[in-house]
Protein backbone atom coordinates (compact mmCIF):
# COMPACT_ATOMS: atom_id res chain seq x y z
CA MET A 1 22.00 -1.93 4.80
CA THR A 2 19.13 -3.80 4.09
CA GLU A 3 17.02 -1.91 1.89
CA GLN A 4 13.14 -1.02 3.07
CA LEU A 5 10.04 -3.22 2.53
CA LEU A 6 8.40 -0.56 1.46
CA THR A 7 8.79 3.83 0.76
CA ILE A 8 6.14 6.08 0.63
CA THR A 9 6.45 9.21 -0.97
CA GLU A 10 5.16 12.63 0.68
CA THR A 11 2.31 12.65 -1.48
CA ALA A 12 1.17 9.01 0.08
CA VAL A 13 1.96 10.43 3.37
CA GLU A 14 -0.02 13.68 2.97
CA ARG A 15 -3.13 11.22 1.79
CA VAL A 16 -2.54 8.48 4.64
CA LYS A 17 -2.55 11.40 7.19
CA ALA A 18 -5.85 12.92 5.66
CA LEU A 19 -7.79 9.78 5.80
CA MET A 20 -6.45 9.17 9.27
CA SER A 21 -8.05 12.50 10.38
CA LYS A 22 -11.47 11.48 9.01
CA SER A 23 -11.52 7.56 10.06
CA ASP A 24 -14.65 7.30 12.89
CA ALA A 25 -12.61 5.15 14.83
CA PRO A 26 -9.22 5.37 16.29
CA VAL A 27 -6.94 3.80 13.91
CA GLN A 28 -3.07 3.56 13.89
CA GLY A 29 -2.47 3.47 10.12
CA LEU A 30 -3.48 2.10 7.05
CA ARG A 31 -2.71 -1.68 5.91
CA VAL A 32 -1.38 -2.77 2.83
CA GLY A 33 -2.10 -6.15 1.19
CA ILE A 34 -2.79 -8.21 -1.64
CA THR A 35 -5.83 -10.27 -3.10
CA THR A 36 -6.71 -12.48 -5.71
CA ARG A 37 -8.66 -10.11 -8.53
CA GLY A 38 -8.35 -8.57 -11.73
CA CYS A 39 -7.32 -9.46 -14.95
CA ASN A 40 -3.81 -9.93 -14.15
CA GLY A 41 -4.11 -11.94 -10.75
CA MET A 42 -2.87 -10.02 -8.07
CA SER A 43 -4.42 -6.40 -7.05
CA TYR A 44 -3.54 -4.33 -3.95
CA THR A 45 -5.63 -3.81 -0.84
CA VAL A 46 -5.33 -0.55 1.52
CA ASP A 47 -7.75 -0.54 4.88
CA TYR A 48 -7.99 1.15 8.23
CA VAL A 49 -5.96 -0.58 10.80
CA GLU A 50 -7.14 -0.24 14.55
CA GLU A 51 -4.66 -3.03 15.80
CA LYS A 52 -1.82 -4.73 14.76
CA GLN A 53 -2.22 -7.94 13.47
CA PRO A 54 0.21 -10.86 14.21
CA GLY A 55 2.46 -10.92 11.32
CA ASP A 56 2.51 -7.38 10.19
CA GLU A 57 5.30 -5.58 9.25
CA ILE A 58 5.19 -1.87 10.43
CA VAL A 59 6.80 0.52 7.92
CA GLU A 60 7.18 4.27 10.11
CA ASP A 61 8.46 6.52 7.67
CA LYS A 62 7.29 10.62 7.57
CA GLY A 63 5.12 10.25 10.72
CA VAL A 64 2.67 7.78 9.38
CA LYS A 65 2.40 4.09 10.02
CA ILE A 66 2.28 1.29 7.44
CA PHE A 67 0.99 -2.07 8.14
CA VAL A 68 1.66 -4.79 5.70
CA ASP A 69 -0.04 -7.99 5.63
CA PRO A 70 2.32 -11.33 5.99
CA MET A 71 0.69 -12.83 2.90
CA ALA A 72 1.55 -9.52 0.93
CA THR A 73 5.21 -9.31 2.25
CA MET A 74 7.17 -11.50 -0.49
CA TYR A 75 4.82 -9.72 -3.32
CA ILE A 76 5.64 -5.85 -2.28
CA ALA A 77 9.18 -5.98 -1.07
CA GLY A 78 11.18 -2.64 -2.13
CA SER A 79 8.10 -1.28 -3.50
CA GLU A 80 7.01 2.48 -3.59
CA MET A 81 3.49 3.75 -2.41
CA ASP A 82 2.28 6.78 -3.83
CA TYR A 83 -0.99 8.74 -4.43
CA VAL A 84 -2.08 10.11 -7.54
CA GLU A 85 -4.71 12.34 -7.99
CA SER A 86 -5.71 13.38 -11.82
CA LYS A 87 -8.20 13.65 -14.20
CA PHE A 88 -8.29 9.88 -14.80
CA GLU A 89 -6.74 8.30 -11.54
CA THR A 90 -7.41 9.07 -8.14
CA GLY A 91 -5.87 6.59 -5.49
CA PHE A 92 -3.06 5.12 -4.02
CA THR A 93 -0.25 3.79 -6.64
CA PHE A 94 2.53 0.78 -6.03
CA LYS A 95 5.50 1.19 -8.34
CA ASN A 96 6.40 -2.18 -7.89
CA PRO A 97 10.15 -3.97 -8.84
CA ASN A 98 8.49 -7.21 -8.06
CA ALA A 99 5.53 -7.43 -11.04
CA LYS A 100 5.88 -8.94 -14.54
CA SER A 101 3.37 -7.56 -15.92
CA TRP A 102 0.11 -4.94 -15.21
CA CYS A 103 -3.27 -4.81 -16.88
CA GLY A 104 -3.98 -2.04 -19.36
CA CYS A 105 -6.11 -0.30 -16.76
CA GLY A 106 -3.41 -0.82 -13.52
CA GLU A 107 -5.82 -2.20 -11.28
CA SER A 108 -3.68 -5.82 -10.97
CA PHE A 109 -0.32 -7.29 -11.88
CA SER A 110 1.37 -10.39 -11.74
CA ILE A 111 4.64 -11.74 -10.37
């Protein structure tokens, strides 16, 4: 059995569904990617997906679709996507087994 590219917690699924229902345009899901920024080098991006892009990996779980940018696949393989809402933090978070270090604010990581 192969490991799933990305797992999604129930809390993240509920947030994805809520965001999709509020979108002005029809969307198929959310796209997860990686960008170069932050004090540790890489940061996650999350955007609406109106249509699949060439090379996108699709993770379907609990009724939602997460499209993984092909340039991010090797960086997030085996990660867990969660959604946190607290006094100090609100947003999607990632537990990434590939990350070697994280910045103090949790916004960026390095491999």
